[in-house]
Every structure is written in structure tokens, then in C-alpha cells.
Amino acid sequence: MRFLETICTLCKAARRKGLSQGLNAFCRRFELAENIKVLLEEEPRDHLHTAVRKQAMLAIAALSKVEMVLEGKKKSLLEACFRSVFLLPPKTDMQGPVTTLYFGTLDAMDTMLRTLVLSSPSSSFPELQAILQI
């Protein structure tokens, strides 16, 4: 969890200080997108007990605001996100604190998708179309 939270903090600081280009090299060197995908794939698909999915999607949203970081990786990340959420039991089967976690995860997915769409240049219509097809 700390890893994912740190990605969000790092991206905000880099954007604020104008260091996005250096962050791009850092993210590629340490394979942040690939590691996020692995974390999502390791989550159990039949239940929700941690906020890893939520934090992963918020980290993807933060990374998408940094130019070029997710280039060529968005589709596989989105597929991992969707598999980790869409295969969960329906909300009617969830009770107690898990319900709050479930809605927080859906809110994070909404934030991630909105950020991905808004951060895509208008010239990348095929990329937006690919996001919507997933």
C-alpha cells in the first residue's frame, strides 16, 4: 500500500515542481506500471479485503498525468484493473466495512478513467477508443 501511496505523492510533487521528464525516466527504470499491474493481478478475485485495488487505480491516475509515463502500458493496466473489480461479487453480497471499501474502489476507478480520458491529447482518438473498448 505504501508503494502505491508514494507513487501518488511522487507524481504530485514532480508536476508541481516541473520535473515530469525526470519522473518519466524514473518510472520506466523502476517499472512502476508493471509493478502496479502485478499487485492488481495478485489480489484475490473473489473478495475484497484491502484497499490495494483502490490505491492502484489512484496511482495509475496520478501516473497518467505525467506525460509519456504510461505510454504503451495503459491497455494492460486497465485490463488488470477491470479484471480485479468486475470479477468481485455483487455489492448485494457485501456487508459491513467491505461495502465502504467496495464503493471507494469504484470511486477510484471512476477517478482513474476520468483522468485517463482528460489527460489524453485530442489527437489520440484511437487510444480513447481502446480504453472504451476494454
N, C-alpha and C. Protein backbone atom coordinates (compact mmCIF):
# COMPACT_ATOMS: atom_id res chain seq x y z
N MET A 1 0.83 -1.20 0.00
CA MET A 1 0.00 0.00 0.00
C MET A 1 0.87 1.25 0.00
N ARG A 2 1.90 1.21 0.81
CA ARG A 2 2.79 2.38 0.92
C ARG A 2 3.41 2.70 -0.44
N PHE A 3 3.77 1.66 -1.19
CA PHE A 3 4.34 1.82 -2.52
C PHE A 3 3.39 2.62 -3.41
N LEU A 4 2.12 2.26 -3.41
CA LEU A 4 1.13 2.93 -4.25
C LEU A 4 0.88 4.36 -3.79
N GLU A 5 0.82 4.56 -2.51
CA GLU A 5 0.63 5.92 -1.97
C GLU A 5 1.81 6.81 -2.33
N THR A 6 3.01 6.24 -2.31
CA THR A 6 4.22 7.00 -2.62
C THR A 6 4.22 7.42 -4.09
N ILE A 7 3.72 6.57 -4.97
CA ILE A 7 3.63 6.93 -6.39
C ILE A 7 2.77 8.18 -6.56
N CYS A 8 1.63 8.22 -5.88
CA CYS A 8 0.73 9.38 -5.96
C CYS A 8 1.45 10.65 -5.48
N THR A 9 2.12 10.54 -4.35
CA THR A 9 2.83 11.69 -3.79
C THR A 9 3.95 12.14 -4.72
N LEU A 10 4.70 11.21 -5.26
CA LEU A 10 5.81 11.50 -6.15
C LEU A 10 5.32 12.21 -7.42
N CYS A 11 4.24 11.74 -7.98
CA CYS A 11 3.69 12.36 -9.20
C CYS A 11 3.22 13.78 -8.93
N LYS A 12 2.55 14.00 -7.83
CA LYS A 12 2.08 15.35 -7.49
C LYS A 12 3.25 16.29 -7.32
N ALA A 13 4.28 15.85 -6.61
CA ALA A 13 5.46 16.69 -6.38
C ALA A 13 6.19 16.99 -7.68
N ALA A 14 6.32 16.00 -8.55
CA ALA A 14 7.02 16.19 -9.83
C ALA A 14 6.27 17.18 -10.72
N ARG A 15 4.96 17.07 -10.77
CA ARG A 15 4.17 18.02 -11.57
C ARG A 15 4.26 19.42 -11.01
N ARG A 16 4.19 19.53 -9.70
CA ARG A 16 4.22 20.83 -9.04
C ARG A 16 5.57 21.53 -9.28
N LYS A 17 6.65 20.77 -9.31
CA LYS A 17 7.99 21.34 -9.46
C LYS A 17 8.48 21.30 -10.90
N GLY A 18 7.66 20.80 -11.83
CA GLY A 18 8.05 20.76 -13.23
C GLY A 18 9.11 19.72 -13.54
N LEU A 19 9.10 18.62 -12.85
CA LEU A 19 10.11 17.57 -13.02
C LEU A 19 9.54 16.33 -13.70
N SER A 20 8.54 16.50 -14.52
CA SER A 20 7.88 15.36 -15.14
C SER A 20 8.81 14.55 -16.02
N GLN A 21 9.73 15.20 -16.72
CA GLN A 21 10.63 14.47 -17.61
C GLN A 21 11.52 13.51 -16.81
N GLY A 22 12.06 13.97 -15.69
CA GLY A 22 12.87 13.10 -14.85
C GLY A 22 12.05 11.98 -14.25
N LEU A 23 10.81 12.27 -13.93
CA LEU A 23 9.93 11.25 -13.36
C LEU A 23 9.65 10.15 -14.38
N ASN A 24 9.52 10.53 -15.63
CA ASN A 24 9.30 9.55 -16.69
C ASN A 24 10.43 8.53 -16.71
N ALA A 25 11.67 8.99 -16.67
CA ALA A 25 12.83 8.10 -16.67
C ALA A 25 12.83 7.23 -15.42
N PHE A 26 12.50 7.82 -14.28
CA PHE A 26 12.46 7.08 -13.02
C PHE A 26 11.41 5.97 -13.07
N CYS A 27 10.23 6.31 -13.57
CA CYS A 27 9.13 5.34 -13.64
C CYS A 27 9.48 4.17 -14.55
N ARG A 28 10.11 4.46 -15.66
CA ARG A 28 10.49 3.40 -16.60
C ARG A 28 11.60 2.53 -16.00
N ARG A 29 12.56 3.16 -15.36
CA ARG A 29 13.69 2.41 -14.79
C ARG A 29 13.21 1.43 -13.72
N PHE A 30 12.30 1.88 -12.89
CA PHE A 30 11.83 1.04 -11.79
C PHE A 30 10.53 0.30 -12.12
N GLU A 31 10.11 0.38 -13.38
CA GLU A 31 8.95 -0.37 -13.88
C GLU A 31 7.72 -0.22 -12.99
N LEU A 32 7.39 1.03 -12.68
CA LEU A 32 6.26 1.27 -11.78
C LEU A 32 4.95 0.72 -12.33
N ALA A 33 4.69 0.96 -13.61
CA ALA A 33 3.43 0.48 -14.19
C ALA A 33 3.34 -1.04 -14.12
N GLU A 34 4.45 -1.71 -14.43
CA GLU A 34 4.46 -3.17 -14.39
C GLU A 34 4.23 -3.70 -12.97
N ASN A 35 4.83 -3.01 -12.00
CA ASN A 35 4.65 -3.44 -10.60
C ASN A 35 3.22 -3.22 -10.11
N ILE A 36 2.59 -2.15 -10.56
CA ILE A 36 1.19 -1.91 -10.21
C ILE A 36 0.33 -3.04 -10.79
N LYS A 37 0.60 -3.40 -12.02
CA LYS A 37 -0.17 -4.47 -12.67
C LYS A 37 -0.02 -5.78 -11.89
N VAL A 38 1.19 -6.09 -11.47
CA VAL A 38 1.43 -7.32 -10.70
C VAL A 38 0.64 -7.29 -9.40
N LEU A 39 0.63 -6.15 -8.71
CA LEU A 39 -0.13 -6.04 -7.46
C LEU A 39 -1.61 -6.30 -7.70
N LEU A 40 -2.14 -5.75 -8.78
CA LEU A 40 -3.56 -5.96 -9.10
C LEU A 40 -3.83 -7.43 -9.41
N GLU A 41 -2.94 -8.05 -10.14
CA GLU A 41 -3.14 -9.45 -10.52
C GLU A 41 -3.01 -10.39 -9.33
N GLU A 42 -2.28 -9.98 -8.30
CA GLU A 42 -2.12 -10.82 -7.12
C GLU A 42 -3.29 -10.71 -6.14
N GLU A 43 -4.14 -9.73 -6.33
CA GLU A 43 -5.31 -9.58 -5.45
C GLU A 43 -6.28 -10.73 -5.71
N PRO A 44 -6.87 -11.28 -4.63
CA PRO A 44 -7.88 -12.35 -4.83
C PRO A 44 -9.07 -11.80 -5.60
N ARG A 45 -9.56 -12.58 -6.51
CA ARG A 45 -10.63 -12.08 -7.39
C ARG A 45 -12.01 -12.27 -6.82
N ASP A 46 -12.13 -13.09 -5.79
CA ASP A 46 -13.46 -13.40 -5.28
C ASP A 46 -13.84 -12.63 -4.02
N HIS A 47 -12.93 -11.79 -3.52
CA HIS A 47 -13.29 -10.99 -2.35
C HIS A 47 -12.42 -9.74 -2.27
N LEU A 48 -12.87 -8.82 -1.47
CA LEU A 48 -12.23 -7.51 -1.32
C LEU A 48 -11.97 -7.28 0.16
N HIS A 49 -10.69 -7.29 0.55
CA HIS A 49 -10.37 -7.10 1.96
C HIS A 49 -9.37 -5.98 2.20
N THR A 50 -8.74 -5.50 1.13
CA THR A 50 -7.76 -4.42 1.28
C THR A 50 -8.06 -3.32 0.28
N ALA A 51 -7.39 -2.21 0.45
CA ALA A 51 -7.57 -1.07 -0.45
C ALA A 51 -6.54 -1.05 -1.58
N VAL A 52 -5.91 -2.19 -1.85
CA VAL A 52 -4.88 -2.24 -2.89
C VAL A 52 -5.45 -1.84 -4.25
N ARG A 53 -6.61 -2.36 -4.60
CA ARG A 53 -7.21 -2.01 -5.90
C ARG A 53 -7.45 -0.50 -5.98
N LYS A 54 -8.03 0.04 -4.94
CA LYS A 54 -8.31 1.47 -4.91
C LYS A 54 -7.03 2.28 -5.06
N GLN A 55 -6.01 1.96 -4.28
CA GLN A 55 -4.75 2.70 -4.34
C GLN A 55 -4.06 2.52 -5.68
N ALA A 56 -4.16 1.33 -6.26
CA ALA A 56 -3.54 1.08 -7.57
C ALA A 56 -4.17 1.98 -8.63
N MET A 57 -5.48 2.10 -8.60
CA MET A 57 -6.16 2.93 -9.59
C MET A 57 -5.85 4.41 -9.38
N LEU A 58 -5.72 4.83 -8.13
CA LEU A 58 -5.34 6.22 -7.87
C LEU A 58 -3.90 6.47 -8.33
N ALA A 59 -3.03 5.47 -8.17
CA ALA A 59 -1.64 5.61 -8.64
C ALA A 59 -1.60 5.69 -10.17
N ILE A 60 -2.43 4.89 -10.84
CA ILE A 60 -2.49 4.94 -12.31
C ILE A 60 -2.99 6.31 -12.75
N ALA A 61 -3.98 6.84 -12.06
CA ALA A 61 -4.48 8.18 -12.40
C ALA A 61 -3.36 9.21 -12.23
N ALA A 62 -2.60 9.12 -11.15
CA ALA A 62 -1.50 10.06 -10.92
C ALA A 62 -0.43 9.93 -11.99
N LEU A 63 -0.09 8.70 -12.35
CA LEU A 63 0.92 8.48 -13.39
C LEU A 63 0.45 8.98 -14.76
N SER A 64 -0.85 8.88 -15.01
CA SER A 64 -1.36 9.30 -16.32
C SER A 64 -1.27 10.82 -16.51
N LYS A 65 -1.13 11.54 -15.43
CA LYS A 65 -0.99 13.00 -15.53
C LYS A 65 0.43 13.41 -15.88
N VAL A 66 1.37 12.45 -15.80
CA VAL A 66 2.76 12.71 -16.14
C VAL A 66 2.96 12.22 -17.57
N GLU A 67 3.30 13.11 -18.45
CA GLU A 67 3.40 12.81 -19.87
C GLU A 67 4.33 11.63 -20.15
N MET A 68 3.89 10.73 -20.99
CA MET A 68 4.66 9.61 -21.52
C MET A 68 4.87 8.44 -20.55
N VAL A 69 4.58 8.57 -19.29
CA VAL A 69 4.89 7.50 -18.33
C VAL A 69 4.14 6.21 -18.65
N LEU A 70 2.90 6.31 -19.00
CA LEU A 70 2.10 5.10 -19.26
C LEU A 70 2.02 4.73 -20.73
N GLU A 71 2.83 5.36 -21.55
CA GLU A 71 2.79 5.10 -22.98
C GLU A 71 3.01 3.61 -23.25
N GLY A 72 2.07 3.02 -23.95
CA GLY A 72 2.16 1.61 -24.28
C GLY A 72 1.75 0.67 -23.16
N LYS A 73 1.36 1.21 -22.01
CA LYS A 73 1.04 0.37 -20.86
C LYS A 73 -0.41 0.53 -20.38
N LYS A 74 -1.09 1.53 -20.90
CA LYS A 74 -2.45 1.81 -20.41
C LYS A 74 -3.40 0.64 -20.58
N LYS A 75 -3.39 0.04 -21.75
CA LYS A 75 -4.35 -1.02 -22.03
C LYS A 75 -4.18 -2.20 -21.06
N SER A 76 -2.94 -2.64 -20.85
CA SER A 76 -2.73 -3.79 -19.96
C SER A 76 -3.05 -3.43 -18.51
N LEU A 77 -2.77 -2.19 -18.12
CA LEU A 77 -3.13 -1.75 -16.76
C LEU A 77 -4.64 -1.70 -16.58
N LEU A 78 -5.33 -1.17 -17.58
CA LEU A 78 -6.79 -1.09 -17.50
C LEU A 78 -7.41 -2.48 -17.46
N GLU A 79 -6.88 -3.38 -18.27
CA GLU A 79 -7.41 -4.75 -18.24
C GLU A 79 -7.23 -5.38 -16.86
N ALA A 80 -6.07 -5.15 -16.24
CA ALA A 80 -5.83 -5.69 -14.90
C ALA A 80 -6.79 -5.07 -13.89
N CYS A 81 -7.02 -3.77 -14.01
CA CYS A 81 -7.96 -3.08 -13.10
C CYS A 81 -9.37 -3.64 -13.26
N PHE A 82 -9.81 -3.74 -14.49
CA PHE A 82 -11.17 -4.21 -14.74
C PHE A 82 -11.36 -5.65 -14.26
N ARG A 83 -10.37 -6.50 -14.53
CA ARG A 83 -10.48 -7.89 -14.06
C ARG A 83 -10.55 -7.94 -12.53
N SER A 84 -9.78 -7.08 -11.88
CA SER A 84 -9.75 -7.13 -10.42
C SER A 84 -11.03 -6.60 -9.78
N VAL A 85 -11.77 -5.79 -10.51
CA VAL A 85 -13.01 -5.21 -9.95
C VAL A 85 -14.25 -5.92 -10.49
N PHE A 86 -14.30 -6.16 -11.78
CA PHE A 86 -15.52 -6.71 -12.36
C PHE A 86 -15.77 -8.16 -11.96
N LEU A 87 -14.76 -8.85 -11.48
CA LEU A 87 -14.95 -10.23 -11.04
C LEU A 87 -15.31 -10.35 -9.56
N LEU A 88 -15.39 -9.22 -8.88
CA LEU A 88 -15.79 -9.24 -7.47
C LEU A 88 -17.27 -9.62 -7.37
N PRO A 89 -17.66 -10.16 -6.23
CA PRO A 89 -19.08 -10.45 -6.04
C PRO A 89 -19.91 -9.16 -6.12
N PRO A 90 -21.19 -9.26 -6.42
CA PRO A 90 -22.03 -8.06 -6.47
C PRO A 90 -22.11 -7.37 -5.11
N LYS A 91 -22.39 -6.09 -5.13
CA LYS A 91 -22.43 -5.32 -3.87
C LYS A 91 -23.49 -5.86 -2.92
N THR A 92 -24.51 -6.50 -3.44
CA THR A 92 -25.55 -7.06 -2.56
C THR A 92 -25.01 -8.19 -1.69
N ASP A 93 -23.89 -8.80 -2.11
CA ASP A 93 -23.29 -9.88 -1.33
C ASP A 93 -22.29 -9.36 -0.29
N MET A 94 -22.07 -8.07 -0.27
CA MET A 94 -21.09 -7.50 0.65
C MET A 94 -21.79 -6.84 1.83
N GLN A 95 -21.13 -6.92 2.98
CA GLN A 95 -21.71 -6.34 4.19
C GLN A 95 -20.62 -5.65 5.01
N GLY A 96 -21.05 -4.72 5.83
CA GLY A 96 -20.15 -4.07 6.77
C GLY A 96 -19.10 -3.21 6.11
N PRO A 97 -17.88 -3.20 6.66
CA PRO A 97 -16.82 -2.33 6.16
C PRO A 97 -16.40 -2.64 4.72
N VAL A 98 -16.65 -3.86 4.27
CA VAL A 98 -16.30 -4.22 2.89
C VAL A 98 -17.12 -3.39 1.90
N THR A 99 -18.34 -3.05 2.29
CA THR A 99 -19.19 -2.22 1.41
C THR A 99 -18.54 -0.86 1.18
N THR A 100 -18.02 -0.26 2.24
CA THR A 100 -17.34 1.03 2.12
C THR A 100 -16.12 0.90 1.23
N LEU A 101 -15.37 -0.16 1.40
CA LEU A 101 -14.19 -0.42 0.58
C LEU A 101 -14.57 -0.61 -0.88
N TYR A 102 -15.68 -1.30 -1.10
CA TYR A 102 -16.18 -1.55 -2.45
C TYR A 102 -16.51 -0.22 -3.15
N PHE A 103 -17.26 0.64 -2.48
CA PHE A 103 -17.62 1.92 -3.09
C PHE A 103 -16.40 2.82 -3.27
N GLY A 104 -15.45 2.76 -2.35
CA GLY A 104 -14.20 3.52 -2.50
C GLY A 104 -13.41 3.04 -3.71
N THR A 105 -13.43 1.74 -3.94
CA THR A 105 -12.75 1.17 -5.10
C THR A 105 -13.42 1.62 -6.40
N LEU A 106 -14.74 1.62 -6.42
CA LEU A 106 -15.47 2.08 -7.61
C LEU A 106 -15.23 3.57 -7.85
N ASP A 107 -15.17 4.36 -6.79
CA ASP A 107 -14.86 5.79 -6.93
C ASP A 107 -13.46 5.99 -7.51
N ALA A 108 -12.50 5.18 -7.05
CA ALA A 108 -11.14 5.27 -7.57
C ALA A 108 -11.11 4.89 -9.05
N MET A 109 -11.90 3.89 -9.44
CA MET A 109 -11.96 3.52 -10.85
C MET A 109 -12.52 4.66 -11.68
N ASP A 110 -13.55 5.31 -11.18
CA ASP A 110 -14.14 6.45 -11.85
C ASP A 110 -13.10 7.57 -12.01
N THR A 111 -12.38 7.86 -10.94
CA THR A 111 -11.34 8.89 -10.98
C THR A 111 -10.27 8.53 -12.00
N MET A 112 -9.83 7.29 -11.99
CA MET A 112 -8.80 6.84 -12.91
C MET A 112 -9.26 6.99 -14.36
N LEU A 113 -10.46 6.52 -14.67
CA LEU A 113 -10.96 6.60 -16.05
C LEU A 113 -11.13 8.05 -16.49
N ARG A 114 -11.67 8.86 -15.62
CA ARG A 114 -11.85 10.27 -15.94
C ARG A 114 -10.50 10.94 -16.21
N THR A 115 -9.52 10.65 -15.38
CA THR A 115 -8.20 11.23 -15.55
C THR A 115 -7.55 10.76 -16.84
N LEU A 116 -7.67 9.47 -17.14
CA LEU A 116 -7.10 8.94 -18.38
C LEU A 116 -7.71 9.61 -19.60
N VAL A 117 -9.01 9.78 -19.60
CA VAL A 117 -9.68 10.40 -20.74
C VAL A 117 -9.30 11.88 -20.84
N LEU A 118 -9.30 12.59 -19.73
CA LEU A 118 -8.99 14.02 -19.77
C LEU A 118 -7.52 14.30 -20.03
N SER A 119 -6.63 13.39 -19.69
CA SER A 119 -5.21 13.63 -19.90
C SER A 119 -4.74 13.19 -21.28
N SER A 120 -5.61 12.53 -22.04
CA SER A 120 -5.25 12.11 -23.39
C SER A 120 -5.40 13.29 -24.33
N PRO A 121 -4.38 13.54 -25.15
CA PRO A 121 -4.50 14.63 -26.11
C PRO A 121 -5.63 14.33 -27.10
N SER A 122 -6.22 15.37 -27.62
CA SER A 122 -7.36 15.19 -28.53
C SER A 122 -6.95 14.43 -29.79
N SER A 123 -5.66 14.41 -30.10
CA SER A 123 -5.19 13.71 -31.29
C SER A 123 -5.10 12.20 -31.08
N SER A 124 -5.30 11.74 -29.86
CA SER A 124 -5.16 10.30 -29.62
C SER A 124 -6.51 9.61 -29.53
N PHE A 125 -7.36 9.85 -30.50
CA PHE A 125 -8.67 9.23 -30.54
C PHE A 125 -8.58 7.70 -30.50
N PRO A 126 -7.64 7.07 -31.23
CA PRO A 126 -7.55 5.60 -31.15
C PRO A 126 -7.28 5.10 -29.73
N GLU A 127 -6.50 5.85 -28.96
CA GLU A 127 -6.21 5.45 -27.58
C GLU A 127 -7.49 5.52 -26.73
N LEU A 128 -8.26 6.58 -26.88
CA LEU A 128 -9.51 6.71 -26.15
C LEU A 128 -10.48 5.62 -26.55
N GLN A 129 -10.51 5.30 -27.83
CA GLN A 129 -11.38 4.25 -28.31
C GLN A 129 -10.98 2.91 -27.69
N ALA A 130 -9.68 2.67 -27.56
CA ALA A 130 -9.19 1.42 -26.95
C ALA A 130 -9.61 1.34 -25.49
N ILE A 131 -9.56 2.46 -24.78
CA ILE A 131 -9.97 2.49 -23.37
C ILE A 131 -11.44 2.12 -23.25
N LEU A 132 -12.25 2.67 -24.11
CA LEU A 132 -13.68 2.41 -24.06
C LEU A 132 -14.03 0.99 -24.50
N GLN A 133 -13.22 0.39 -25.35
CA GLN A 133 -13.48 -0.98 -25.79
C GLN A 133 -13.16 -2.01 -24.71
N ILE A 134 -12.22 -1.69 -23.84
CA ILE A 134 -11.85 -2.63 -22.78
C ILE A 134 -13.05 -2.80 -21.88
